[in-house]
Amino acid sequence: MCVYNVRIDDAIMDEVRPSITKGLDESVWVQLQVEALFSQLAAEAKNQQSTHLTLSQRLRGIGKAPKGFDYKKELEERF
């Protein structure tokens, strides 16, 4: 397990403090929030990797594009 020291502005902590479940230690709450955020980021990264197509897969998709599809614009937006 990795251990990091984190500094949080007191004003920000004062704003979120009411959201912390009563009886839950603030450090435990912060730990849970960071783990939830990292889990979400990891899932998004995994999903992005799984939707990455190889060149041959992208070329095969051109034949299935709808009429009037702007290939040049699609490639510009993709890269």
N, C-alpha and C. Protein backbone atom coordinates (compact mmCIF):
# COMPACT_ATOMS: atom_id res chain seq x y z
N MET A 1 0.85 -1.18 0.00
CA MET A 1 0.00 0.00 0.00
C MET A 1 0.89 1.23 0.00
N CYS A 2 0.52 2.23 -0.77
CA CYS A 2 1.25 3.48 -0.84
C CYS A 2 0.76 4.42 0.26
N VAL A 3 1.66 5.23 0.77
CA VAL A 3 1.30 6.21 1.80
C VAL A 3 1.73 7.58 1.30
N TYR A 4 0.81 8.54 1.34
CA TYR A 4 1.09 9.90 0.90
C TYR A 4 0.66 10.88 1.98
N ASN A 5 1.37 11.97 2.10
CA ASN A 5 0.95 13.07 2.96
C ASN A 5 0.17 14.04 2.08
N VAL A 6 -1.01 14.43 2.54
CA VAL A 6 -1.86 15.31 1.76
C VAL A 6 -2.18 16.54 2.60
N ARG A 7 -2.11 17.69 1.96
CA ARG A 7 -2.48 18.94 2.64
C ARG A 7 -3.78 19.44 2.02
N ILE A 8 -4.73 19.77 2.87
CA ILE A 8 -6.01 20.27 2.41
C ILE A 8 -6.25 21.62 3.07
N ASP A 9 -6.60 22.59 2.28
CA ASP A 9 -6.86 23.93 2.78
C ASP A 9 -7.96 23.87 3.84
N ASP A 10 -7.75 24.56 4.96
CA ASP A 10 -8.73 24.55 6.05
C ASP A 10 -10.09 25.07 5.61
N ALA A 11 -10.10 26.09 4.74
CA ALA A 11 -11.37 26.64 4.29
C ALA A 11 -12.17 25.61 3.49
N ILE A 12 -11.48 24.83 2.67
CA ILE A 12 -12.16 23.78 1.90
C ILE A 12 -12.67 22.70 2.83
N MET A 13 -11.84 22.31 3.79
CA MET A 13 -12.25 21.27 4.74
C MET A 13 -13.46 21.73 5.55
N ASP A 14 -13.49 23.01 5.91
CA ASP A 14 -14.65 23.55 6.64
C ASP A 14 -15.92 23.44 5.81
N GLU A 15 -15.79 23.60 4.49
CA GLU A 15 -16.96 23.50 3.62
C GLU A 15 -17.48 22.07 3.50
N VAL A 16 -16.59 21.09 3.49
CA VAL A 16 -17.04 19.70 3.31
C VAL A 16 -17.32 18.99 4.62
N ARG A 17 -16.86 19.55 5.70
CA ARG A 17 -17.02 18.91 7.01
C ARG A 17 -18.47 18.49 7.30
N PRO A 18 -19.49 19.32 6.95
CA PRO A 18 -20.88 18.89 7.21
C PRO A 18 -21.28 17.62 6.44
N SER A 19 -20.56 17.30 5.36
CA SER A 19 -20.87 16.11 4.57
C SER A 19 -20.31 14.83 5.18
N ILE A 20 -19.41 14.98 6.13
CA ILE A 20 -18.79 13.80 6.74
C ILE A 20 -19.76 13.17 7.72
N THR A 21 -19.92 11.87 7.57
CA THR A 21 -20.83 11.13 8.44
C THR A 21 -20.40 11.27 9.89
N LYS A 22 -21.35 11.55 10.74
CA LYS A 22 -21.04 11.71 12.17
C LYS A 22 -20.42 10.42 12.71
N GLY A 23 -19.40 10.59 13.51
CA GLY A 23 -18.72 9.44 14.09
C GLY A 23 -17.60 8.90 13.22
N LEU A 24 -17.49 9.39 12.00
CA LEU A 24 -16.43 8.95 11.10
C LEU A 24 -15.27 9.92 11.20
N ASP A 25 -14.09 9.40 11.46
CA ASP A 25 -12.89 10.22 11.57
C ASP A 25 -12.62 10.92 10.24
N GLU A 26 -12.22 12.18 10.29
CA GLU A 26 -11.97 12.93 9.06
C GLU A 26 -10.91 12.28 8.19
N SER A 27 -9.87 11.74 8.78
CA SER A 27 -8.82 11.11 7.98
C SER A 27 -9.33 9.86 7.28
N VAL A 28 -10.23 9.14 7.93
CA VAL A 28 -10.84 7.95 7.30
C VAL A 28 -11.73 8.39 6.15
N TRP A 29 -12.48 9.47 6.36
CA TRP A 29 -13.36 9.98 5.31
C TRP A 29 -12.55 10.42 4.10
N VAL A 30 -11.45 11.14 4.32
CA VAL A 30 -10.60 11.58 3.22
C VAL A 30 -10.04 10.36 2.48
N GLN A 31 -9.61 9.35 3.24
CA GLN A 31 -9.10 8.11 2.63
C GLN A 31 -10.15 7.48 1.72
N LEU A 32 -11.38 7.40 2.20
CA LEU A 32 -12.46 6.80 1.40
C LEU A 32 -12.73 7.62 0.14
N GLN A 33 -12.68 8.94 0.25
CA GLN A 33 -12.93 9.80 -0.91
C GLN A 33 -11.84 9.64 -1.96
N VAL A 34 -10.59 9.58 -1.51
CA VAL A 34 -9.47 9.42 -2.44
C VAL A 34 -9.55 8.06 -3.13
N GLU A 35 -9.85 7.01 -2.36
CA GLU A 35 -9.97 5.67 -2.95
C GLU A 35 -11.09 5.62 -3.98
N ALA A 36 -12.22 6.28 -3.68
CA ALA A 36 -13.34 6.31 -4.63
C ALA A 36 -12.94 7.04 -5.91
N LEU A 37 -12.26 8.16 -5.76
CA LEU A 37 -11.81 8.92 -6.93
C LEU A 37 -10.83 8.11 -7.75
N PHE A 38 -9.85 7.48 -7.11
CA PHE A 38 -8.86 6.70 -7.84
C PHE A 38 -9.50 5.50 -8.52
N SER A 39 -10.47 4.87 -7.90
CA SER A 39 -11.18 3.74 -8.52
C SER A 39 -11.90 4.19 -9.78
N GLN A 40 -12.53 5.37 -9.70
CA GLN A 40 -13.23 5.91 -10.85
C GLN A 40 -12.25 6.23 -11.97
N LEU A 41 -11.13 6.86 -11.64
CA LEU A 41 -10.13 7.18 -12.65
C LEU A 41 -9.55 5.93 -13.29
N ALA A 42 -9.31 4.90 -12.50
CA ALA A 42 -8.77 3.64 -13.03
C ALA A 42 -9.78 2.99 -13.97
N ALA A 43 -11.06 3.01 -13.60
CA ALA A 43 -12.09 2.42 -14.45
C ALA A 43 -12.20 3.18 -15.77
N GLU A 44 -12.13 4.52 -15.71
CA GLU A 44 -12.20 5.32 -16.93
C GLU A 44 -10.99 5.04 -17.83
N ALA A 45 -9.82 4.91 -17.23
CA ALA A 45 -8.61 4.63 -18.02
C ALA A 45 -8.72 3.25 -18.67
N LYS A 46 -9.23 2.28 -17.93
CA LYS A 46 -9.38 0.93 -18.47
C LYS A 46 -10.39 0.94 -19.61
N ASN A 47 -11.49 1.66 -19.43
CA ASN A 47 -12.51 1.75 -20.46
C ASN A 47 -11.96 2.43 -21.70
N GLN A 48 -11.15 3.47 -21.51
CA GLN A 48 -10.56 4.19 -22.64
C GLN A 48 -9.61 3.28 -23.40
N GLN A 49 -8.85 2.48 -22.70
CA GLN A 49 -7.93 1.56 -23.35
C GLN A 49 -8.67 0.51 -24.14
N SER A 50 -9.78 0.02 -23.60
CA SER A 50 -10.51 -1.05 -24.28
C SER A 50 -11.24 -0.55 -25.51
N THR A 51 -11.50 0.76 -25.60
CA THR A 51 -12.18 1.30 -26.77
C THR A 51 -11.20 1.82 -27.82
N HIS A 52 -9.90 1.74 -27.54
CA HIS A 52 -8.89 2.18 -28.50
C HIS A 52 -8.81 1.15 -29.63
N LEU A 53 -9.02 1.62 -30.84
CA LEU A 53 -9.03 0.73 -31.99
C LEU A 53 -7.70 0.76 -32.72
N THR A 54 -7.32 -0.37 -33.27
CA THR A 54 -6.12 -0.44 -34.10
C THR A 54 -6.42 0.22 -35.45
N LEU A 55 -5.39 0.50 -36.21
CA LEU A 55 -5.57 1.13 -37.51
C LEU A 55 -6.47 0.29 -38.41
N SER A 56 -6.25 -1.01 -38.45
CA SER A 56 -7.07 -1.86 -39.32
C SER A 56 -8.53 -1.85 -38.87
N GLN A 57 -8.78 -1.79 -37.56
CA GLN A 57 -10.16 -1.72 -37.08
C GLN A 57 -10.81 -0.40 -37.47
N ARG A 58 -10.03 0.69 -37.40
CA ARG A 58 -10.58 1.99 -37.79
C ARG A 58 -10.87 2.03 -39.28
N LEU A 59 -9.98 1.43 -40.09
CA LEU A 59 -10.20 1.42 -41.54
C LEU A 59 -11.42 0.59 -41.91
N ARG A 60 -11.64 -0.51 -41.22
CA ARG A 60 -12.83 -1.32 -41.49
C ARG A 60 -14.09 -0.53 -41.17
N GLY A 61 -14.01 0.33 -40.17
CA GLY A 61 -15.17 1.13 -39.78
C GLY A 61 -15.56 2.16 -40.82
N ILE A 62 -14.62 2.56 -41.67
CA ILE A 62 -14.92 3.55 -42.70
C ILE A 62 -16.00 3.03 -43.64
N GLY A 63 -15.94 1.75 -43.98
CA GLY A 63 -16.92 1.18 -44.88
C GLY A 63 -18.32 1.16 -44.30
N LYS A 64 -18.46 1.33 -43.02
CA LYS A 64 -19.76 1.29 -42.35
C LYS A 64 -20.27 2.68 -41.98
N ALA A 65 -19.52 3.72 -42.36
CA ALA A 65 -19.91 5.08 -41.99
C ALA A 65 -21.17 5.50 -42.74
N PRO A 66 -22.02 6.32 -42.13
CA PRO A 66 -23.23 6.78 -42.80
C PRO A 66 -22.93 7.72 -43.95
N LYS A 67 -23.85 7.83 -44.88
CA LYS A 67 -23.69 8.69 -46.03
C LYS A 67 -23.51 10.13 -45.56
N GLY A 68 -22.54 10.82 -46.16
CA GLY A 68 -22.27 12.21 -45.80
C GLY A 68 -21.33 12.36 -44.62
N PHE A 69 -20.81 11.25 -44.11
CA PHE A 69 -19.90 11.29 -42.97
C PHE A 69 -18.60 11.98 -43.38
N ASP A 70 -18.12 12.92 -42.57
CA ASP A 70 -16.91 13.68 -42.87
C ASP A 70 -15.71 12.98 -42.23
N TYR A 71 -15.01 12.19 -43.02
CA TYR A 71 -13.88 11.40 -42.51
C TYR A 71 -12.75 12.29 -41.99
N LYS A 72 -12.46 13.36 -42.76
CA LYS A 72 -11.37 14.26 -42.38
C LYS A 72 -11.65 14.91 -41.02
N LYS A 73 -12.86 15.38 -40.83
CA LYS A 73 -13.23 16.02 -39.56
C LYS A 73 -13.15 15.01 -38.42
N GLU A 74 -13.60 13.80 -38.65
CA GLU A 74 -13.55 12.76 -37.62
C GLU A 74 -12.11 12.49 -37.20
N LEU A 75 -11.21 12.37 -38.16
CA LEU A 75 -9.81 12.11 -37.84
C LEU A 75 -9.18 13.29 -37.11
N GLU A 76 -9.51 14.53 -37.51
CA GLU A 76 -8.97 15.69 -36.84
C GLU A 76 -9.41 15.74 -35.38
N GLU A 77 -10.67 15.39 -35.12
CA GLU A 77 -11.19 15.42 -33.75
C GLU A 77 -10.64 14.26 -32.93
N ARG A 78 -10.34 13.15 -33.56
CA ARG A 78 -9.85 11.98 -32.86
C ARG A 78 -8.41 12.15 -32.42
N PHE A 79 -7.61 12.79 -33.23
CA PHE A 79 -6.18 12.96 -32.92
C PHE A 79 -5.94 14.41 -32.70
